[in-house]
Amino acid sequence: MLKDFQVRVVANAYITRVNEGEGIIDQVVSTYPMQADDLDKVLAYVYVIRPDLVPTK
């Protein structure tokens, strides 16, 4: 289980990679092996900071 500061670090890494044009958030997320509960926390933090990255369905 990731600690709060680790969640923030990973979330910012995702955002940086999206900003650099490495793909959409789903593509970036798939490159990091992570437990489901940690992934949920990280994505929740990403979507708070960058609501424009929430995938549309």
PDB file of N, CA and C in Angstrom:
ATOM      1  N   MET A   1       0.838  -1.170   0.000  1.00  0.00           N
ATOM      2  CA  MET A   1       0.000   0.000   0.000  1.00  0.00           C
ATOM      3  C   MET A   1       0.890   1.244   0.000  1.00  0.00           C
ATOM      4  N   LEU A   2       0.575   2.152  -0.903  1.00  0.00           N
ATOM      5  CA  LEU A   2       1.354   3.376  -1.010  1.00  0.00           C
ATOM      6  C   LEU A   2       0.996   4.347   0.111  1.00  0.00           C
ATOM      7  N   LYS A   3       1.998   5.069   0.571  1.00  0.00           N
ATOM      8  CA  LYS A   3       1.775   6.136   1.546  1.00  0.00           C
ATOM      9  C   LYS A   3       1.291   7.367   0.784  1.00  0.00           C
ATOM     10  N   ASP A   4       0.738   8.332   1.513  1.00  0.00           N
ATOM     11  CA  ASP A   4       0.163   9.516   0.871  1.00  0.00           C
ATOM     12  C   ASP A   4       1.165  10.250  -0.016  1.00  0.00           C
ATOM     13  N   PHE A   5       2.388  10.412   0.457  1.00  0.00           N
ATOM     14  CA  PHE A   5       3.371  11.128  -0.351  1.00  0.00           C
ATOM     15  C   PHE A   5       3.706  10.344  -1.615  1.00  0.00           C
ATOM     16  N   GLN A   6       3.679   9.022  -1.545  1.00  0.00           N
ATOM     17  CA  GLN A   6       3.950   8.202  -2.722  1.00  0.00           C
ATOM     18  C   GLN A   6       2.819   8.326  -3.739  1.00  0.00           C
ATOM     19  N   VAL A   7       1.598   8.409  -3.257  1.00  0.00           N
ATOM     20  CA  VAL A   7       0.448   8.617  -4.146  1.00  0.00           C
ATOM     21  C   VAL A   7       0.629   9.920  -4.908  1.00  0.00           C
ATOM     22  N   ARG A   8       1.031  10.974  -4.215  1.00  0.00           N
ATOM     23  CA  ARG A   8       1.234  12.274  -4.867  1.00  0.00           C
ATOM     24  C   ARG A   8       2.358  12.217  -5.890  1.00  0.00           C
ATOM     25  N   VAL A   9       3.440  11.535  -5.570  1.00  0.00           N
ATOM     26  CA  VAL A   9       4.576  11.424  -6.496  1.00  0.00           C
ATOM     27  C   VAL A   9       4.165  10.687  -7.765  1.00  0.00           C
ATOM     28  N   VAL A  10       3.490   9.558  -7.612  1.00  0.00           N
ATOM     29  CA  VAL A  10       3.078   8.774  -8.778  1.00  0.00           C
ATOM     30  C   VAL A  10       2.053   9.550  -9.600  1.00  0.00           C
ATOM     31  N   ALA A  11       1.111  10.205  -8.939  1.00  0.00           N
ATOM     32  CA  ALA A  11       0.104  10.991  -9.651  1.00  0.00           C
ATOM     33  C   ALA A  11       0.766  12.089 -10.473  1.00  0.00           C
ATOM     34  N   ASN A  12       1.726  12.766  -9.892  1.00  0.00           N
ATOM     35  CA  ASN A  12       2.422  13.819 -10.635  1.00  0.00           C
ATOM     36  C   ASN A  12       3.260  13.248 -11.771  1.00  0.00           C
ATOM     37  N   ALA A  13       3.780  12.046 -11.600  1.00  0.00           N
ATOM     38  CA  ALA A  13       4.504  11.386 -12.693  1.00  0.00           C
ATOM     39  C   ALA A  13       3.556  11.089 -13.847  1.00  0.00           C
ATOM     40  N   TYR A  14       2.361  10.598 -13.534  1.00  0.00           N
ATOM     41  CA  TYR A  14       1.355  10.360 -14.581  1.00  0.00           C
ATOM     42  C   TYR A  14       1.047  11.649 -15.327  1.00  0.00           C
ATOM     43  N   ILE A  15       0.789  12.705 -14.574  1.00  0.00           N
ATOM     44  CA  ILE A  15       0.429  13.987 -15.177  1.00  0.00           C
ATOM     45  C   ILE A  15       1.559  14.508 -16.051  1.00  0.00           C
ATOM     46  N   THR A  16       2.784  14.400 -15.581  1.00  0.00           N
ATOM     47  CA  THR A  16       3.933  14.850 -16.367  1.00  0.00           C
ATOM     48  C   THR A  16       4.024  14.095 -17.679  1.00  0.00           C
ATOM     49  N   ARG A  17       3.845  12.789 -17.639  1.00  0.00           N
ATOM     50  CA  ARG A  17       3.931  11.981 -18.859  1.00  0.00           C
ATOM     51  C   ARG A  17       2.819  12.332 -19.838  1.00  0.00           C
ATOM     52  N   VAL A  18       1.625  12.597 -19.335  1.00  0.00           N
ATOM     53  CA  VAL A  18       0.530  13.017 -20.213  1.00  0.00           C
ATOM     54  C   VAL A  18       0.857  14.383 -20.812  1.00  0.00           C
ATOM     55  N   ASN A  19       1.361  15.297 -20.007  1.00  0.00           N
ATOM     56  CA  ASN A  19       1.729  16.631 -20.492  1.00  0.00           C
ATOM     57  C   ASN A  19       2.810  16.570 -21.563  1.00  0.00           C
ATOM     58  N   GLU A  20       3.704  15.603 -21.449  1.00  0.00           N
ATOM     59  CA  GLU A  20       4.795  15.451 -22.413  1.00  0.00           C
ATOM     60  C   GLU A  20       4.356  14.728 -23.679  1.00  0.00           C
ATOM     61  N   GLY A  21       3.092  14.347 -23.748  1.00  0.00           N
ATOM     62  CA  GLY A  21       2.565  13.729 -24.952  1.00  0.00           C
ATOM     63  C   GLY A  21       2.830  12.241 -25.075  1.00  0.00           C
ATOM     64  N   GLU A  22       3.049  11.574 -23.958  1.00  0.00           N
ATOM     65  CA  GLU A  22       3.337  10.139 -23.996  1.00  0.00           C
ATOM     66  C   GLU A  22       2.078   9.290 -24.083  1.00  0.00           C
ATOM     67  N   GLY A  23       0.941   9.920 -24.192  1.00  0.00           N
ATOM     68  CA  GLY A  23      -0.318   9.193 -24.329  1.00  0.00           C
ATOM     69  C   GLY A  23      -1.383   9.764 -23.415  1.00  0.00           C
ATOM     70  N   ILE A  24      -2.563   9.158 -23.504  1.00  0.00           N
ATOM     71  CA  ILE A  24      -3.646   9.560 -22.614  1.00  0.00           C
ATOM     72  C   ILE A  24      -3.441   8.879 -21.264  1.00  0.00           C
ATOM     73  N   ILE A  25      -4.199   9.290 -20.282  1.00  0.00           N
ATOM     74  CA  ILE A  25      -3.981   8.793 -18.921  1.00  0.00           C
ATOM     75  C   ILE A  25      -4.066   7.271 -18.848  1.00  0.00           C
ATOM     76  N   ASP A  26      -4.992   6.657 -19.580  1.00  0.00           N
ATOM     77  CA  ASP A  26      -5.121   5.190 -19.547  1.00  0.00           C
ATOM     78  C   ASP A  26      -3.865   4.500 -20.061  1.00  0.00           C
ATOM     79  N   GLN A  27      -3.246   5.064 -21.079  1.00  0.00           N
ATOM     80  CA  GLN A  27      -2.019   4.475 -21.622  1.00  0.00           C
ATOM     81  C   GLN A  27      -0.867   4.617 -20.639  1.00  0.00           C
ATOM     82  N   VAL A  28      -0.765   5.756 -20.014  1.00  0.00           N
ATOM     83  CA  VAL A  28       0.311   6.000 -19.050  1.00  0.00           C
ATOM     84  C   VAL A  28       0.148   5.090 -17.836  1.00  0.00           C
ATOM     85  N   VAL A  29      -1.066   4.966 -17.344  1.00  0.00           N
ATOM     86  CA  VAL A  29      -1.342   4.135 -16.167  1.00  0.00           C
ATOM     87  C   VAL A  29      -0.962   2.684 -16.422  1.00  0.00           C
ATOM     88  N   SER A  30      -1.193   2.213 -17.621  1.00  0.00           N
ATOM     89  CA  SER A  30      -0.938   0.799 -17.926  1.00  0.00           C
ATOM     90  C   SER A  30       0.546   0.444 -17.899  1.00  0.00           C
ATOM     91  N   THR A  31       1.426   1.430 -17.870  1.00  0.00           N
ATOM     92  CA  THR A  31       2.863   1.155 -17.853  1.00  0.00           C
ATOM     93  C   THR A  31       3.424   0.993 -16.445  1.00  0.00           C
ATOM     94  N   TYR A  32       2.596   1.238 -15.427  1.00  0.00           N
ATOM     95  CA  TYR A  32       3.024   1.130 -14.033  1.00  0.00           C
ATOM     96  C   TYR A  32       2.331  -0.056 -13.375  1.00  0.00           C
ATOM     97  N   PRO A  33       3.075  -1.072 -12.943  1.00  0.00           N
ATOM     98  CA  PRO A  33       2.426  -2.162 -12.201  1.00  0.00           C
ATOM     99  C   PRO A  33       2.059  -1.664 -10.798  1.00  0.00           C
ATOM    100  N   MET A  34       0.793  -1.825 -10.444  1.00  0.00           N
ATOM    101  CA  MET A  34       0.345  -1.289  -9.166  1.00  0.00           C
ATOM    102  C   MET A  34      -0.878  -2.072  -8.692  1.00  0.00           C
ATOM    103  N   GLN A  35      -1.013  -2.208  -7.393  1.00  0.00           N
ATOM    104  CA  GLN A  35      -2.186  -2.863  -6.825  1.00  0.00           C
ATOM    105  C   GLN A  35      -3.423  -2.007  -7.082  1.00  0.00           C
ATOM    106  N   ALA A  36      -4.564  -2.661  -7.214  1.00  0.00           N
ATOM    107  CA  ALA A  36      -5.804  -1.972  -7.576  1.00  0.00           C
ATOM    108  C   ALA A  36      -6.176  -0.866  -6.592  1.00  0.00           C
ATOM    109  N   ASP A  37      -6.022  -1.103  -5.299  1.00  0.00           N
ATOM    110  CA  ASP A  37      -6.398  -0.074  -4.327  1.00  0.00           C
ATOM    111  C   ASP A  37      -5.475   1.136  -4.406  1.00  0.00           C
ATOM    112  N   ASP A  38      -4.197   0.905  -4.672  1.00  0.00           N
ATOM    113  CA  ASP A  38      -3.262   2.017  -4.847  1.00  0.00           C
ATOM    114  C   ASP A  38      -3.578   2.783  -6.127  1.00  0.00           C
ATOM    115  N   LEU A  39      -3.898   2.063  -7.178  1.00  0.00           N
ATOM    116  CA  LEU A  39      -4.235   2.700  -8.451  1.00  0.00           C
ATOM    117  C   LEU A  39      -5.459   3.598  -8.291  1.00  0.00           C
ATOM    118  N   ASP A  40      -6.448   3.132  -7.553  1.00  0.00           N
ATOM    119  CA  ASP A  40      -7.644   3.944  -7.317  1.00  0.00           C
ATOM    120  C   ASP A  40      -7.298   5.244  -6.596  1.00  0.00           C
ATOM    121  N   LYS A  41      -6.423   5.162  -5.603  1.00  0.00           N
ATOM    122  CA  LYS A  41      -6.003   6.360  -4.865  1.00  0.00           C
ATOM    123  C   LYS A  41      -5.259   7.336  -5.772  1.00  0.00           C
ATOM    124  N   VAL A  42      -4.343   6.795  -6.575  1.00  0.00           N
ATOM    125  CA  VAL A  42      -3.541   7.645  -7.454  1.00  0.00           C
ATOM    126  C   VAL A  42      -4.433   8.327  -8.486  1.00  0.00           C
ATOM    127  N   LEU A  43      -5.313   7.565  -9.114  1.00  0.00           N
ATOM    128  CA  LEU A  43      -6.191   8.160 -10.122  1.00  0.00           C
ATOM    129  C   LEU A  43      -7.131   9.190  -9.507  1.00  0.00           C
ATOM    130  N   ALA A  44      -7.622   8.935  -8.308  1.00  0.00           N
ATOM    131  CA  ALA A  44      -8.479   9.913  -7.638  1.00  0.00           C
ATOM    132  C   ALA A  44      -7.729  11.226  -7.441  1.00  0.00           C
ATOM    133  N   TYR A  45      -6.468  11.128  -7.056  1.00  0.00           N
ATOM    134  CA  TYR A  45      -5.654  12.336  -6.867  1.00  0.00           C
ATOM    135  C   TYR A  45      -5.395  13.034  -8.203  1.00  0.00           C
ATOM    136  N   VAL A  46      -5.102  12.263  -9.240  1.00  0.00           N
ATOM    137  CA  VAL A  46      -4.890  12.836 -10.577  1.00  0.00           C
ATOM    138  C   VAL A  46      -6.127  13.606 -11.011  1.00  0.00           C
ATOM    139  N   TYR A  47      -7.301  13.011 -10.836  1.00  0.00           N
ATOM    140  CA  TYR A  47      -8.538  13.633 -11.307  1.00  0.00           C
ATOM    141  C   TYR A  47      -8.926  14.860 -10.491  1.00  0.00           C
ATOM    142  N   VAL A  48      -8.467  14.948  -9.247  1.00  0.00           N
ATOM    143  CA  VAL A  48      -8.698  16.160  -8.454  1.00  0.00           C
ATOM    144  C   VAL A  48      -7.834  17.294  -9.001  1.00  0.00           C
ATOM    145  N   ILE A  49      -6.581  16.975  -9.301  1.00  0.00           N
ATOM    146  CA  ILE A  49      -5.657  17.992  -9.805  1.00  0.00           C
ATOM    147  C   ILE A  49      -5.982  18.370 -11.245  1.00  0.00           C
ATOM    148  N   ARG A  50      -6.277  17.354 -12.056  1.00  0.00           N
ATOM    149  CA  ARG A  50      -6.519  17.568 -13.490  1.00  0.00           C
ATOM    150  C   ARG A  50      -7.836  16.908 -13.916  1.00  0.00           C
ATOM    151  N   PRO A  51      -8.972  17.534 -13.625  1.00  0.00           N
ATOM    152  CA  PRO A  51     -10.256  16.936 -13.991  1.00  0.00           C
ATOM    153  C   PRO A  51     -10.413  16.747 -15.500  1.00  0.00           C
ATOM    154  N   ASP A  52      -9.630  17.462 -16.277  1.00  0.00           N
ATOM    155  CA  ASP A  52      -9.699  17.302 -17.733  1.00  0.00           C
ATOM    156  C   ASP A  52      -9.154  15.950 -18.193  1.00  0.00           C
ATOM    157  N   LEU A  53      -8.472  15.219 -17.329  1.00  0.00           N
ATOM    158  CA  LEU A  53      -7.922  13.911 -17.692  1.00  0.00           C
ATOM    159  C   LEU A  53      -8.886  12.761 -17.430  1.00  0.00           C
ATOM    160  N   VAL A  54     -10.034  13.048 -16.829  1.00  0.00           N
ATOM    161  CA  VAL A  54     -11.018  11.992 -16.577  1.00  0.00           C
ATOM    162  C   VAL A  54     -11.479  11.450 -17.927  1.00  0.00           C
ATOM    163  N   PRO A  55     -11.342  10.124 -18.128  1.00  0.00           N
ATOM    164  CA  PRO A  55     -11.754   9.548 -19.414  1.00  0.00           C
ATOM    165  C   PRO A  55     -13.258   9.699 -19.629  1.00  0.00           C
ATOM    166  N   THR A  56     -13.627  10.038 -20.839  1.00  0.00           N
ATOM    167  CA  THR A  56     -15.046  10.120 -21.183  1.00  0.00           C
ATOM    168  C   THR A  56     -15.496   8.779 -21.713  1.00  0.00           C
ATOM    169  N   LYS A  57     -16.711   8.413 -21.388  1.00  0.00           N
ATOM    170  CA  LYS A  57     -17.207   7.101 -21.814  1.00  0.00           C
ATOM    171  C   LYS A  57     -18.291   7.226 -22.821  1.00  0.00           C
TER     172      LYS A  57
END
